[in-house]
């Protein structure tokens, strides 16, 4: 299978993700790609449910990538940029963002970090 993410798509994703941060009360601690999917390590306010947060990020990035990189839609089965599933975990007493970040990176085969900013935000 050909990789969906190339340098142009990566630039679009990174730039748009930084725009999402400005519009919503979220901090993208890390954004990465792995051939045909995205990874996000996110800090957010507790008023967003995990489902709302995931749905928002997935739908906004898909819409922008399809708009700026129409070739991506042709490469995907049925034009679907996102799947229904996701992994979500919280940072607390028994874990931290480093542990979660390692878990995410180990899920794929060719993880490429697009953005990293581990300075936690105060909302």
C-alpha atoms as a PDB file:
ATOM      1  CA  UNK A   1       0.000   0.000   0.000  1.00  0.00           C
ATOM      2  CA  UNK A   2       1.219   3.472  -0.887  1.00  0.00           C
ATOM      3  CA  UNK A   3       1.624   5.880   2.020  1.00  0.00           C
ATOM      4  CA  UNK A   4      -1.179   8.438   2.232  1.00  0.00           C
ATOM      5  CA  UNK A   5       1.004  10.981   3.965  1.00  0.00           C
ATOM      6  CA  UNK A   6       3.750  12.636   1.964  1.00  0.00           C
ATOM      7  CA  UNK A   7       5.663  15.850   2.687  1.00  0.00           C
ATOM      8  CA  UNK A   8       2.892  18.079   1.307  1.00  0.00           C
ATOM      9  CA  UNK A   9       0.136  16.360   3.296  1.00  0.00           C
ATOM     10  CA  UNK A  10       2.350  16.462   6.406  1.00  0.00           C
ATOM     11  CA  UNK A  11       2.804  20.236   6.028  1.00  0.00           C
ATOM     12  CA  UNK A  12      -0.954  20.738   5.598  1.00  0.00           C
ATOM     13  CA  UNK A  13      -1.714  18.639   8.688  1.00  0.00           C
ATOM     14  CA  UNK A  14       0.873  20.397  10.846  1.00  0.00           C
ATOM     15  CA  UNK A  15      -0.162  23.896   9.800  1.00  0.00           C
ATOM     16  CA  UNK A  16      -3.847  23.175  10.232  1.00  0.00           C
ATOM     17  CA  UNK A  17      -3.359  21.517  13.625  1.00  0.00           C
ATOM     18  CA  UNK A  18      -1.662  24.657  14.889  1.00  0.00           C
ATOM     19  CA  UNK A  19      -4.713  26.615  13.683  1.00  0.00           C
ATOM     20  CA  UNK A  20      -7.010  24.256  15.609  1.00  0.00           C
ATOM     21  CA  UNK A  21      -5.068  25.066  18.784  1.00  0.00           C
ATOM     22  CA  UNK A  22      -5.773  28.763  18.297  1.00  0.00           C
ATOM     23  CA  UNK A  23      -9.529  28.236  17.805  1.00  0.00           C
ATOM     24  CA  UNK A  24     -10.244  25.728  20.575  1.00  0.00           C
ATOM     25  CA  UNK A  25      -9.026  25.231  24.116  1.00  0.00           C
ATOM     26  CA  UNK A  26      -6.647  22.414  23.255  1.00  0.00           C
ATOM     27  CA  UNK A  27      -2.901  21.996  23.133  1.00  0.00           C
ATOM     28  CA  UNK A  28      -1.447  19.497  20.667  1.00  0.00           C
ATOM     29  CA  UNK A  29       1.559  18.208  22.559  1.00  0.00           C
ATOM     30  CA  UNK A  30       2.553  15.987  19.645  1.00  0.00           C
ATOM     31  CA  UNK A  31       1.267  15.266  16.129  1.00  0.00           C
ATOM     32  CA  UNK A  32       2.624  12.440  14.021  1.00  0.00           C
ATOM     33  CA  UNK A  33       1.835  10.285  11.008  1.00  0.00           C
ATOM     34  CA  UNK A  34       2.280   6.620  10.210  1.00  0.00           C
ATOM     35  CA  UNK A  35       1.694   5.850   6.502  1.00  0.00           C
ATOM     36  CA  UNK A  36      -2.093   6.082   6.523  1.00  0.00           C
ATOM     37  CA  UNK A  37      -3.150   7.516   9.882  1.00  0.00           C
ATOM     38  CA  UNK A  38      -2.496  10.336  12.331  1.00  0.00           C
ATOM     39  CA  UNK A  39      -1.491  10.335  15.980  1.00  0.00           C
ATOM     40  CA  UNK A  40      -2.315  13.149  18.385  1.00  0.00           C
ATOM     41  CA  UNK A  41      -1.212  13.690  21.968  1.00  0.00           C
ATOM     42  CA  UNK A  42      -3.631  16.331  23.237  1.00  0.00           C
ATOM     43  CA  UNK A  43      -4.092  18.443  26.341  1.00  0.00           C
ATOM     44  CA  UNK A  44      -7.556  19.903  26.775  1.00  0.00           C
ATOM     45  CA  UNK A  45      -9.947  21.520  29.192  1.00  0.00           C
ATOM     46  CA  UNK A  46     -12.179  19.111  31.127  1.00  0.00           C
ATOM     47  CA  UNK A  47     -15.336  20.586  29.578  1.00  0.00           C
ATOM     48  CA  UNK A  48     -14.680  18.678  26.323  1.00  0.00           C
ATOM     49  CA  UNK A  49     -15.638  15.014  26.448  1.00  0.00           C
ATOM     50  CA  UNK A  50     -13.127  12.639  24.896  1.00  0.00           C
ATOM     51  CA  UNK A  51     -15.646  11.771  22.169  1.00  0.00           C
ATOM     52  CA  UNK A  52     -16.234  15.450  21.337  1.00  0.00           C
ATOM     53  CA  UNK A  53     -12.509  16.149  21.258  1.00  0.00           C
ATOM     54  CA  UNK A  54     -11.712  13.175  19.006  1.00  0.00           C
ATOM     55  CA  UNK A  55     -14.631  13.870  16.673  1.00  0.00           C
ATOM     56  CA  UNK A  56     -13.674  17.529  16.381  1.00  0.00           C
ATOM     57  CA  UNK A  57     -10.004  16.881  15.598  1.00  0.00           C
ATOM     58  CA  UNK A  58     -10.750  14.049  13.164  1.00  0.00           C
ATOM     59  CA  UNK A  59     -13.444  15.867  11.216  1.00  0.00           C
ATOM     60  CA  UNK A  60     -11.605  19.194  11.012  1.00  0.00           C
ATOM     61  CA  UNK A  61      -8.325  17.646   9.853  1.00  0.00           C
ATOM     62  CA  UNK A  62     -10.064  15.375   7.321  1.00  0.00           C
ATOM     63  CA  UNK A  63     -11.980  18.270   5.807  1.00  0.00           C
ATOM     64  CA  UNK A  64      -8.845  20.409   5.498  1.00  0.00           C
ATOM     65  CA  UNK A  65      -6.672  17.630   4.063  1.00  0.00           C
ATOM     66  CA  UNK A  66      -9.325  16.759   1.441  1.00  0.00           C
ATOM     67  CA  UNK A  67      -9.631  20.453   0.568  1.00  0.00           C
ATOM     68  CA  UNK A  68      -5.898  21.086   0.153  1.00  0.00           C
ATOM     69  CA  UNK A  69      -4.808  17.584  -0.940  1.00  0.00           C
ATOM     70  CA  UNK A  70      -7.607  16.055  -3.068  1.00  0.00           C
ATOM     71  CA  UNK A  71      -5.364  13.157  -4.117  1.00  0.00           C
ATOM     72  CA  UNK A  72      -5.645  11.761  -0.574  1.00  0.00           C
ATOM     73  CA  UNK A  73      -9.351  11.002  -0.997  1.00  0.00           C
ATOM     74  CA  UNK A  74      -8.562   8.882  -4.075  1.00  0.00           C
ATOM     75  CA  UNK A  75      -5.974   6.864  -2.142  1.00  0.00           C
ATOM     76  CA  UNK A  76      -8.337   5.901   0.690  1.00  0.00           C
ATOM     77  CA  UNK A  77     -10.934   3.150   0.622  1.00  0.00           C
ATOM     78  CA  UNK A  78     -14.289   4.779   0.021  1.00  0.00           C
ATOM     79  CA  UNK A  79     -12.826   8.224   0.615  1.00  0.00           C
ATOM     80  CA  UNK A  80     -12.850   7.764   4.409  1.00  0.00           C
ATOM     81  CA  UNK A  81     -10.055   9.691   6.097  1.00  0.00           C
ATOM     82  CA  UNK A  82     -10.956   8.589   9.584  1.00  0.00           C
ATOM     83  CA  UNK A  83     -12.058   5.373  11.191  1.00  0.00           C
ATOM     84  CA  UNK A  84     -14.598   5.036  13.961  1.00  0.00           C
ATOM     85  CA  UNK A  85     -12.029   3.831  16.475  1.00  0.00           C
ATOM     86  CA  UNK A  86      -9.503   5.666  18.583  1.00  0.00           C
ATOM     87  CA  UNK A  87      -7.325   5.168  21.641  1.00  0.00           C
ATOM     88  CA  UNK A  88      -7.788   7.604  24.509  1.00  0.00           C
ATOM     89  CA  UNK A  89      -6.047   7.733  27.843  1.00  0.00           C
ATOM     90  CA  UNK A  90      -5.693  10.335  30.524  1.00  0.00           C
ATOM     91  CA  UNK A  91      -2.672  11.470  32.449  1.00  0.00           C
ATOM     92  CA  UNK A  92      -2.995  10.950  36.152  1.00  0.00           C
ATOM     93  CA  UNK A  93      -1.505   9.304  39.192  1.00  0.00           C
ATOM     94  CA  UNK A  94      -0.312   6.175  37.348  1.00  0.00           C
ATOM     95  CA  UNK A  95       0.709   7.579  33.970  1.00  0.00           C
ATOM     96  CA  UNK A  96       2.125  10.563  32.190  1.00  0.00           C
ATOM     97  CA  UNK A  97       2.293  12.032  28.708  1.00  0.00           C
ATOM     98  CA  UNK A  98       5.668  10.382  28.032  1.00  0.00           C
ATOM     99  CA  UNK A  99       4.215   6.917  28.647  1.00  0.00           C
ATOM    100  CA  UNK A 100       1.196   7.649  26.432  1.00  0.00           C
ATOM    101  CA  UNK A 101       3.437   9.111  23.717  1.00  0.00           C
ATOM    102  CA  UNK A 102       5.563   5.933  23.681  1.00  0.00           C
ATOM    103  CA  UNK A 103       2.422   3.810  23.413  1.00  0.00           C
ATOM    104  CA  UNK A 104       1.206   5.812  20.399  1.00  0.00           C
ATOM    105  CA  UNK A 105       4.551   5.644  18.604  1.00  0.00           C
ATOM    106  CA  UNK A 106       4.722   1.869  19.057  1.00  0.00           C
ATOM    107  CA  UNK A 107       1.350   1.287  17.363  1.00  0.00           C
ATOM    108  CA  UNK A 108       2.621   1.790  13.836  1.00  0.00           C
ATOM    109  CA  UNK A 109       5.623   0.960  11.735  1.00  0.00           C
ATOM    110  CA  UNK A 110       6.894   4.284  10.379  1.00  0.00           C
ATOM    111  CA  UNK A 111       6.009   6.964  12.907  1.00  0.00           C
ATOM    112  CA  UNK A 112       7.074  10.447  11.857  1.00  0.00           C
ATOM    113  CA  UNK A 113       6.781  13.330  14.295  1.00  0.00           C
ATOM    114  CA  UNK A 114       5.355  16.455  12.620  1.00  0.00           C
ATOM    115  CA  UNK A 115       4.990  18.679  15.657  1.00  0.00           C
ATOM    116  CA  UNK A 116       6.043  18.621  19.279  1.00  0.00           C
ATOM    117  CA  UNK A 117       5.407  21.128  22.046  1.00  0.00           C
ATOM    118  CA  UNK A 118       5.470  19.734  25.547  1.00  0.00           C
ATOM    119  CA  UNK A 119       5.023  23.031  27.313  1.00  0.00           C
ATOM    120  CA  UNK A 120       1.723  22.453  29.064  1.00  0.00           C
ATOM    121  CA  UNK A 121      -0.866  25.167  28.577  1.00  0.00           C
ATOM    122  CA  UNK A 122      -2.931  26.938  31.225  1.00  0.00           C
ATOM    123  CA  UNK A 123      -6.503  27.359  30.101  1.00  0.00           C
END
